[in-house]
Amino acid sequence: MSEEKEKMIDKIGNSVVEFIGKILGEGAQEKVSDARGKAKNIGSDGLKKVLEFTDTIIAELDLKESEQVKKARDSVEDFLKEQGLIE
């Protein structure tokens, strides 16, 4: 993801956290802020786990040789890499 997009998403996220704090109080604001930080940290790892799980399902369903399945899986992985969501 580009640095500009990341900054914009961070600004929006910060605004949402502040808004929640004003509406629901500081305790809720802290919980949302904490959850937001955790989501950022597990985002890439979580996506990698989903791809690993997908590979397991593909193998168990004996779809490893299907060109259509290979292309679809590779397209998803390439897209995630292009967006900077996984390495």
Protein backbone atom coordinates (compact mmCIF):
# COMPACT_ATOMS: atom_id res chain seq x y z
CA MET A 1 0.00 0.00 0.00
CA SER A 2 1.36 3.42 -0.84
CA GLU A 3 2.49 5.71 1.93
CA GLU A 4 -0.14 8.28 0.93
CA LYS A 5 -2.95 5.72 1.23
CA GLU A 6 -1.61 4.54 4.58
CA LYS A 7 -1.56 8.09 5.94
CA MET A 8 -5.10 8.70 4.75
CA ILE A 9 -6.32 5.44 6.33
CA ASP A 10 -4.52 6.34 9.58
CA LYS A 11 -6.16 9.79 9.64
CA ILE A 12 -9.59 8.26 9.08
CA GLY A 13 -8.93 5.63 11.74
CA ASN A 14 -7.77 8.22 14.24
CA SER A 15 -10.86 10.32 13.56
CA VAL A 16 -13.12 7.32 14.13
CA VAL A 17 -11.34 6.48 17.40
CA GLU A 18 -11.68 10.10 18.60
CA PHE A 19 -15.35 10.17 17.59
CA ILE A 20 -16.02 6.97 19.53
CA GLY A 21 -14.23 8.48 22.52
CA LYS A 22 -16.44 11.55 22.41
CA ILE A 23 -19.62 9.52 22.05
CA LEU A 24 -18.94 6.50 24.28
CA GLY A 25 -16.19 7.74 26.59
CA GLU A 26 -12.49 7.27 27.08
CA GLY A 27 -12.75 3.56 27.98
CA ALA A 28 -14.38 2.73 24.67
CA GLN A 29 -11.86 4.89 22.84
CA GLU A 30 -8.98 2.94 24.42
CA LYS A 31 -10.56 -0.40 23.48
CA VAL A 32 -11.09 0.65 19.88
CA SER A 33 -7.58 2.06 19.64
CA ASP A 34 -6.13 -1.16 21.06
CA ALA A 35 -8.18 -3.32 18.68
CA ARG A 36 -7.11 -1.16 15.75
CA GLY A 37 -3.44 -1.64 16.64
CA LYS A 38 -3.88 -5.40 16.94
CA ALA A 39 -5.67 -5.56 13.60
CA LYS A 40 -2.76 -3.80 11.92
CA ASN A 41 -0.29 -6.25 13.44
CA ILE A 42 -2.16 -9.39 12.49
CA GLY A 43 -3.23 -8.22 9.06
CA SER A 44 -0.27 -9.56 7.10
CA ASP A 45 0.16 -12.66 9.24
CA GLY A 46 -3.55 -13.37 9.07
CA LEU A 47 -3.58 -13.14 5.29
CA LYS A 48 -0.60 -15.49 5.09
CA LYS A 49 -2.45 -17.99 7.29
CA VAL A 50 -5.50 -17.76 5.02
CA LEU A 51 -3.31 -18.53 2.01
CA GLU A 52 -1.75 -21.48 3.86
CA PHE A 53 -5.21 -22.76 4.77
CA THR A 54 -6.29 -22.38 1.15
CA ASP A 55 -3.28 -24.42 0.03
CA THR A 56 -4.23 -27.15 2.52
CA ILE A 57 -7.82 -27.26 1.23
CA ILE A 58 -6.61 -27.34 -2.38
CA ALA A 59 -4.33 -30.27 -1.55
CA GLU A 60 -7.00 -32.16 0.42
CA LEU A 61 -9.57 -31.74 -2.33
CA ASP A 62 -6.95 -32.94 -4.82
CA LEU A 63 -7.14 -29.73 -6.84
CA LYS A 64 -3.38 -29.13 -7.01
CA GLU A 65 -3.27 -30.02 -10.68
CA SER A 66 -6.18 -27.78 -11.72
CA GLU A 67 -4.84 -24.90 -13.80
CA GLN A 68 -7.90 -22.80 -13.01
CA VAL A 69 -7.38 -23.26 -9.26
CA LYS A 70 -3.64 -22.51 -9.54
CA LYS A 71 -4.30 -19.33 -11.51
CA ALA A 72 -6.99 -18.12 -9.12
CA ARG A 73 -4.84 -18.75 -6.06
CA ASP A 74 -1.79 -17.10 -7.65
CA SER A 75 -3.88 -14.11 -8.73
CA VAL A 76 -5.08 -13.56 -5.17
CA GLU A 77 -1.55 -13.84 -3.80
CA ASP A 78 -0.19 -11.45 -6.45
CA PHE A 79 -2.93 -8.93 -5.70
CA LEU A 80 -2.19 -9.03 -1.96
CA LYS A 81 1.51 -8.52 -2.67
CA GLU A 82 0.81 -5.61 -5.05
CA GLN A 83 -1.29 -3.94 -2.37
CA GLY A 84 1.51 -4.36 0.14
CA LEU A 85 -0.63 -6.53 2.38
CA ILE A 86 1.79 -9.48 2.34
CA GLU A 87 5.43 -9.92 1.42
